[in-house]
Every structure is written in C-alpha cells, then in structure tokens.
C-alpha atoms as a PDB file:
ATOM      1  CA  MET A   1       0.162   0.086  -0.269  1.00  0.00           C
ATOM      2  CA  THR A   2       1.657   3.614  -0.907  1.00  0.00           C
ATOM      3  CA  VAL A   3       1.125   6.612   1.167  1.00  0.00           C
ATOM      4  CA  THR A   4       1.041  10.385  -0.350  1.00  0.00           C
ATOM      5  CA  VAL A   5       3.193  12.693   1.599  1.00  0.00           C
ATOM      6  CA  VAL A   6       3.336  17.000   0.847  1.00  0.00           C
ATOM      7  CA  GLY A   7       5.997  18.123   2.240  1.00  0.00           C
ATOM      8  CA  ILE A   8       5.548  22.961   2.796  1.00  0.00           C
ATOM      9  CA  GLY A   9       7.919  25.335   3.964  1.00  0.00           C
ATOM     10  CA  GLY A  10      11.742  26.301   3.920  1.00  0.00           C
ATOM     11  CA  SER A  11      11.982  30.504   3.014  1.00  0.00           C
ATOM     12  CA  LEU A  12      12.519  32.553  -0.415  1.00  0.00           C
ATOM     13  CA  ARG A  13      16.280  32.132   0.159  1.00  0.00           C
ATOM     14  CA  ALA A  14      17.346  28.635  -1.607  1.00  0.00           C
ATOM     15  CA  ASP A  15      17.815  25.826  -0.258  1.00  0.00           C
ATOM     16  CA  SER A  16      17.320  27.309   3.303  1.00  0.00           C
ATOM     17  CA  GLN A  17      17.883  25.966   6.688  1.00  0.00           C
ATOM     18  CA  SER A  18      14.335  25.114   6.707  1.00  0.00           C
ATOM     19  CA  GLU A  19      13.563  23.772   3.071  1.00  0.00           C
ATOM     20  CA  ARG A  20      17.110  21.457   4.189  1.00  0.00           C
ATOM     21  CA  ALA A  21      14.758  19.903   7.930  1.00  0.00           C
ATOM     22  CA  LEU A  22      11.681  19.233   5.053  1.00  0.00           C
ATOM     23  CA  ARG A  23      14.007  16.675   2.869  1.00  0.00           C
ATOM     24  CA  ILE A  24      15.428  15.792   5.794  1.00  0.00           C
ATOM     25  CA  ALA A  25      11.609  14.722   6.934  1.00  0.00           C
ATOM     26  CA  LEU A  26      10.865  14.133   3.497  1.00  0.00           C
ATOM     27  CA  ALA A  27      13.577  10.848   3.409  1.00  0.00           C
ATOM     28  CA  GLY A  28      12.198   9.685   6.437  1.00  0.00           C
ATOM     29  CA  ALA A  29       8.659   9.300   4.441  1.00  0.00           C
ATOM     30  CA  GLY A  30      10.203   8.253   1.576  1.00  0.00           C
ATOM     31  CA  GLU A  31      12.700   5.438   3.727  1.00  0.00           C
ATOM     32  CA  ALA A  32       9.629   3.965   4.772  1.00  0.00           C
ATOM     33  CA  GLY A  33       7.927   3.148   1.076  1.00  0.00           C
ATOM     34  CA  ALA A  34       5.839   7.205   0.695  1.00  0.00           C
ATOM     35  CA  LYS A  35       5.988   8.551  -2.324  1.00  0.00           C
ATOM     36  CA  THR A  36       6.700  12.219  -1.192  1.00  0.00           C
ATOM     37  CA  THR A  37       6.612  15.589  -2.593  1.00  0.00           C
ATOM     38  CA  VAL A  38       8.253  18.925  -1.706  1.00  0.00           C
ATOM     39  CA  LEU A  39       6.463  22.811  -2.364  1.00  0.00           C
ATOM     40  CA  SER A  40       9.102  24.974  -1.154  1.00  0.00           C
ATOM     41  CA  GLY A  41      10.130  27.934  -1.393  1.00  0.00           C
ATOM     42  CA  VAL A  42       9.402  29.831  -4.797  1.00  0.00           C
ATOM     43  CA  ASP A  43       6.518  27.431  -4.989  1.00  0.00           C
ATOM     44  CA  LEU A  44       4.403  28.409  -2.891  1.00  0.00           C
ATOM     45  CA  VAL A  45       5.078  32.360  -3.285  1.00  0.00           C
ATOM     46  CA  LEU A  46       1.224  31.946  -4.064  1.00  0.00           C
ATOM     47  CA  PRO A  47      -1.198  36.113  -4.575  1.00  0.00           C
ATOM     48  CA  PHE A  48      -1.602  36.270  -0.429  1.00  0.00           C
ATOM     49  CA  TYR A  49      -5.497  33.682  -0.087  1.00  0.00           C
ATOM     50  CA  ASP A  50      -8.726  35.209  -1.199  1.00  0.00           C
ATOM     51  CA  PRO A  51     -12.133  33.691   0.369  1.00  0.00           C
ATOM     52  CA  ALA A  52     -14.007  36.120  -2.090  1.00  0.00           C
ATOM     53  CA  VAL A  53     -11.808  35.420  -5.259  1.00  0.00           C
ATOM     54  CA  ALA A  54     -12.475  31.436  -6.949  1.00  0.00           C
ATOM     55  CA  GLU A  55      -9.682  31.998  -9.012  1.00  0.00           C
ATOM     56  CA  ARG A  56      -6.249  30.413  -8.607  1.00  0.00           C
ATOM     57  CA  SER A  57      -2.318  30.626  -9.868  1.00  0.00           C
ATOM     58  CA  ASP A  58      -1.203  27.773 -10.848  1.00  0.00           C
ATOM     59  CA  ALA A  59       0.932  27.389  -8.822  1.00  0.00           C
ATOM     60  CA  ALA A  60      -2.498  27.786  -5.864  1.00  0.00           C
ATOM     61  CA  ARG A  61      -4.107  24.946  -8.298  1.00  0.00           C
ATOM     62  CA  ARG A  62      -1.040  22.799  -7.944  1.00  0.00           C
ATOM     63  CA  LEU A  63      -1.288  23.262  -3.914  1.00  0.00           C
ATOM     64  CA  VAL A  64      -4.718  22.261  -3.235  1.00  0.00           C
ATOM     65  CA  ASP A  65      -4.215  19.467  -5.402  1.00  0.00           C
ATOM     66  CA  GLU A  66      -1.244  17.815  -3.854  1.00  0.00           C
ATOM     67  CA  LEU A  67      -3.232  18.528  -0.390  1.00  0.00           C
ATOM     68  CA  ARG A  68      -6.231  16.561  -1.334  1.00  0.00           C
ATOM     69  CA  ASP A  69      -4.408  13.590  -3.228  1.00  0.00           C
ATOM     70  CA  ALA A  70      -2.031  14.050   0.147  1.00  0.00           C
ATOM     71  CA  ASP A  71      -2.317  11.247   2.962  1.00  0.00           C
ATOM     72  CA  GLY A  72       0.460  13.321   4.732  1.00  0.00           C
ATOM     73  CA  VAL A  73       1.759  16.198   5.131  1.00  0.00           C
ATOM     74  CA  VAL A  74       5.023  17.953   6.529  1.00  0.00           C
ATOM     75  CA  LEU A  75       5.668  21.565   7.312  1.00  0.00           C
ATOM     76  CA  VAL A  76       8.212  23.175   7.999  1.00  0.00           C
ATOM     77  CA  SER A  77       8.829  26.738   9.020  1.00  0.00           C
ATOM     78  CA  PRO A  78      10.882  28.740   9.531  1.00  0.00           C
ATOM     79  CA  GLY A  79      10.260  31.176  12.668  1.00  0.00           C
ATOM     80  CA  TYR A  80       9.917  34.739  12.179  1.00  0.00           C
ATOM     81  CA  HIS A  81       8.830  37.345  14.800  1.00  0.00           C
ATOM     82  CA  GLY A  82       8.280  34.096  16.558  1.00  0.00           C
ATOM     83  CA  THR A  83       5.531  32.502  14.586  1.00  0.00           C
ATOM     84  CA  VAL A  84       5.456  30.888  11.105  1.00  0.00           C
ATOM     85  CA  SER A  85       6.802  32.900   7.955  1.00  0.00           C
ATOM     86  CA  GLY A  86       4.042  34.536   6.441  1.00  0.00           C
ATOM     87  CA  LEU A  87       5.153  32.922   2.459  1.00  0.00           C
ATOM     88  CA  VAL A  88       4.197  30.049   4.740  1.00  0.00           C
ATOM     89  CA  LYS A  89       1.128  30.889   6.481  1.00  0.00           C
ATOM     90  CA  ASN A  90      -0.593  31.731   2.759  1.00  0.00           C
ATOM     91  CA  ALA A  91      -0.148  28.651   1.378  1.00  0.00           C
ATOM     92  CA  LEU A  92      -2.118  27.037   4.347  1.00  0.00           C
ATOM     93  CA  ASP A  93      -4.986  29.194   4.368  1.00  0.00           C
ATOM     94  CA  TYR A  94      -5.606  28.013   0.677  1.00  0.00           C
ATOM     95  CA  VAL A  95      -6.204  24.863   2.580  1.00  0.00           C
ATOM     96  CA  GLU A  96      -9.087  26.294   3.210  1.00  0.00           C
ATOM     97  CA  ASP A  97     -10.045  25.993  -1.119  1.00  0.00           C
ATOM     98  CA  LEU A  98     -10.566  22.258   0.564  1.00  0.00           C
ATOM     99  CA  ARG A  99     -13.944  22.730   3.070  1.00  0.00           C
ATOM    100  CA  GLU A 100     -16.486  21.071   0.509  1.00  0.00           C
ATOM    101  CA  ASP A 101     -14.223  18.107   0.489  1.00  0.00           C
ATOM    102  CA  GLU A 102     -15.069  14.716   1.318  1.00  0.00           C
ATOM    103  CA  ARG A 103     -11.270  14.832   3.300  1.00  0.00           C
ATOM    104  CA  PRO A 104     -12.100  18.632   4.204  1.00  0.00           C
ATOM    105  CA  TYR A 105      -9.108  20.311   5.473  1.00  0.00           C
ATOM    106  CA  LEU A 106      -6.514  18.639   6.318  1.00  0.00           C
ATOM    107  CA  ASP A 107      -9.283  15.412   7.783  1.00  0.00           C
ATOM    108  CA  GLY A 108      -7.484  11.963   8.714  1.00  0.00           C
ATOM    109  CA  ARG A 109      -4.041  13.584   8.174  1.00  0.00           C
ATOM    110  CA  ALA A 110      -1.012  12.797   9.807  1.00  0.00           C
ATOM    111  CA  VAL A 111       1.025  16.415   9.803  1.00  0.00           C
ATOM    112  CA  GLY A 112       4.679  16.255  11.075  1.00  0.00           C
ATOM    113  CA  CYS A 113       5.731  19.961  12.796  1.00  0.00           C
ATOM    114  CA  VAL A 114       8.851  21.473  12.337  1.00  0.00           C
ATOM    115  CA  ALA A 115      10.492  24.692  13.188  1.00  0.00           C
ATOM    116  CA  THR A 116      14.031  26.197  12.000  1.00  0.00           C
ATOM    117  CA  ALA A 117      14.603  29.306  14.615  1.00  0.00           C
ATOM    118  CA  ALA A 118      18.264  30.981  15.060  1.00  0.00           C
ATOM    119  CA  GLY A 119      17.358  30.575  18.640  1.00  0.00           C
ATOM    120  CA  TRP A 120      15.019  28.443  21.441  1.00  0.00           C
ATOM    121  CA  GLN A 121      12.184  30.835  22.045  1.00  0.00           C
ATOM    122  CA  ALA A 122      11.115  31.062  17.963  1.00  0.00           C
ATOM    123  CA  SER A 123      11.600  27.761  16.830  1.00  0.00           C
ATOM    124  CA  VAL A 124       9.846  26.484  20.162  1.00  0.00           C
ATOM    125  CA  THR A 125       6.865  29.544  19.741  1.00  0.00           C
ATOM    126  CA  THR A 126       6.504  27.529  16.037  1.00  0.00           C
ATOM    127  CA  LEU A 127       6.622  24.397  16.471  1.00  0.00           C
ATOM    128  CA  THR A 128       3.180  25.690  19.223  1.00  0.00           C
ATOM    129  CA  ALA A 129       1.798  27.737  16.164  1.00  0.00           C
ATOM    130  CA  LEU A 130       2.174  25.635  13.160  1.00  0.00           C
ATOM    131  CA  ARG A 131       0.804  22.421  15.922  1.00  0.00           C
ATOM    132  CA  SER A 132      -2.110  25.026  16.670  1.00  0.00           C
ATOM    133  CA  VAL A 133      -2.993  26.203  12.370  1.00  0.00           C
ATOM    134  CA  VAL A 134      -3.259  21.506  12.098  1.00  0.00           C
ATOM    135  CA  HIS A 135      -5.569  21.347  14.614  1.00  0.00           C
ATOM    136  CA  ALA A 136      -7.464  24.251  13.155  1.00  0.00           C
ATOM    137  CA  LEU A 137      -7.242  22.427   9.838  1.00  0.00           C
ATOM    138  CA  ARG A 138      -8.211  19.143  11.370  1.00  0.00           C
ATOM    139  CA  GLY A 139      -5.317  17.541  10.749  1.00  0.00           C
ATOM    140  CA  TRP A 140      -3.759  15.402  13.668  1.00  0.00           C
ATOM    141  CA  PRO A 141       0.552  16.654  14.512  1.00  0.00           C
ATOM    142  CA  THR A 142       2.567  13.952  15.230  1.00  0.00           C
ATOM    143  CA  PRO A 143       3.258  12.686  18.439  1.00  0.00           C
ATOM    144  CA  LEU A 144       7.202  14.708  17.895  1.00  0.00           C
ATOM    145  CA  GLY A 145       7.621  17.589  16.264  1.00  0.00           C
ATOM    146  CA  ALA A 146      11.212  19.267  15.858  1.00  0.00           C
ATOM    147  CA  ALA A 147      12.439  22.782  17.723  1.00  0.00           C
ATOM    148  CA  VAL A 148      16.221  23.204  15.407  1.00  0.00           C
ATOM    149  CA  ASN A 149      17.805  25.945  16.622  1.00  0.00           C
ATOM    150  CA  SER A 150      19.753  26.936  13.295  1.00  0.00           C
ATOM    151  CA  ALA A 151      21.735  28.421  15.368  1.00  0.00           C
ATOM    152  CA  GLU A 152      23.391  24.779  17.051  1.00  0.00           C
ATOM    153  CA  VAL A 153      22.499  23.631  13.994  1.00  0.00           C
ATOM    154  CA  VAL A 154      24.379  22.888  11.332  1.00  0.00           C
ATOM    155  CA  PHE A 155      23.058  21.869   7.885  1.00  0.00           C
ATOM    156  CA  ASP A 156      25.549  21.437   4.780  1.00  0.00           C
ATOM    157  CA  ALA A 157      25.084  22.037   1.087  1.00  0.00           C
ATOM    158  CA  ALA A 158      24.755  18.539   0.334  1.00  0.00           C
ATOM    159  CA  GLY A 159      21.096  18.624   2.331  1.00  0.00           C
ATOM    160  CA  GLY A 160      22.850  16.588   5.386  1.00  0.00           C
ATOM    161  CA  CYS A 161      22.860  18.030   9.085  1.00  0.00           C
ATOM    162  CA  GLY A 162      25.730  18.277  12.078  1.00  0.00           C
ATOM    163  CA  ASP A 163      23.322  16.826  15.117  1.00  0.00           C
ATOM    164  CA  PRO A 164      22.388  13.423  14.666  1.00  0.00           C
ATOM    165  CA  GLN A 165      19.826  13.791  17.504  1.00  0.00           C
ATOM    166  CA  VAL A 166      18.821  16.386  14.993  1.00  0.00           C
ATOM    167  CA  VAL A 167      18.814  13.800  12.401  1.00  0.00           C
ATOM    168  CA  THR A 168      17.288  11.574  13.553  1.00  0.00           C
ATOM    169  CA  SER A 169      13.921  13.254  15.062  1.00  0.00           C
ATOM    170  CA  LEU A 170      13.281  14.444  11.482  1.00  0.00           C
ATOM    171  CA  ARG A 171      13.385  10.910   9.770  1.00  0.00           C
ATOM    172  CA  THR A 172      11.087   9.701  12.540  1.00  0.00           C
ATOM    173  CA  ILE A 173       8.473  12.978  11.904  1.00  0.00           C
ATOM    174  CA  GLY A 174       8.754  11.425   8.377  1.00  0.00           C
ATOM    175  CA  LEU A 175       8.124   7.873   9.670  1.00  0.00           C
ATOM    176  CA  GLN A 176       5.091   8.834  11.586  1.00  0.00           C
ATOM    177  CA  VAL A 177       3.807  10.495   8.645  1.00  0.00           C
ATOM    178  CA  VAL A 178       3.998   7.249   6.862  1.00  0.00           C
ATOM    179  CA  GLU A 179       2.541   4.907   9.839  1.00  0.00           C
ATOM    180  CA  PHE A 180       0.145   7.378  10.662  1.00  0.00           C
ATOM    181  CA  ALA A 181      -1.406   7.218   7.019  1.00  0.00           C
ATOM    182  CA  LEU A 182      -0.729   3.215   6.272  1.00  0.00           C
ATOM    183  CA  ALA A 183      -2.907   2.842   9.777  1.00  0.00           C
ATOM    184  CA  ARG A 184      -5.398   5.071   8.779  1.00  0.00           C
ATOM    185  CA  LYS A 185      -5.434   3.287   5.133  1.00  0.00           C
ATOM    186  CA  SER A 186      -6.417  -0.027   5.787  1.00  0.00           C
END
C-alpha cells in the first residue's frame, strides 16, 4: 500500500535551513515507502489568499491538488518573529479551498511539524503555532514535532545535518506521518 506525503515549507532563500530540514523529514517518509512531493520556496509564492476570489494561480491549484491527494503532510516553517512565516501561513490559508471536499481541510491526515529559527524561543513558539494551525485544520499533528535551533545546528549544502539527534528526530517525524497514513488506510 503506497501513501503520498506532501512537504510544505522553507523560505524564499534557496536551499534554506528550513527547506533542508523539510527534505530530511521527507527522506524519513520516503524510507518508510511513501511517495513524497516537496513544495518549497518559489513553489509557495502565491497571491494572498482571498476566499472571495474563485480563480487560482497555477501554483495555488497545484498546492491544493497536492494536499487534496495527500495521505500525510510535513510542514516546516522558519520562525519569523516567534511564529510561522507569512510564506508558509499564506500557503496554509489555501487549505480553505478543501472545505467542501469529502475529506475537508486536513481531516484524517497526520501532519509532521518542524520549526527552524536562530534561537530556542522562536523555534519553540513557531512549532507551537504550527501545531495549533494543524488542529484548526482538523489534522493530526504527529506525536513528535521538532524545534530546531539553527544557531546551534548546521545543515550542510549536501543536505546533511551536523547533529545526528536532529536528523533522527526529523526522519522520525516523516516515519510517523507514514505510519499513521498506513494505519488510516487499512
């Protein structure tokens, strides 16, 4: 049984710390057998969400379609001023387009949450905000979430991470998303 996991996150900076964390979490999902899709950086440059406007850009339609078909989701946001970045939050606002679906919003989907910030306070409050948004969207935050202090943890250009505990946590989040999705499908 195959599951699909969509990863959303990162920043507009190419190959950002949060995008690298997203890719490690999705690698964990991939190792568990999931088909993964990354929506990061420029993929998330969308018009401000407006529920009164029915027309969507190609990028917004792709985001909504990927989420509609997803069995699980991984969200990674940089911590900007102690909360979710505007780029990630606007992308999550488009989940409203799933409100009339058979599975509305993120209903019945496990969602792994990760926050990266140059300090513990911002990374922890951002993780808390992500988990709250997931609850509001009827998703199931995985038991493990990760607050990554990028002032202490270095992600390298090859996609690796200098802290093996962080790598284990990120991969475990991806694995938990897949485990939940498989259990839900069976």
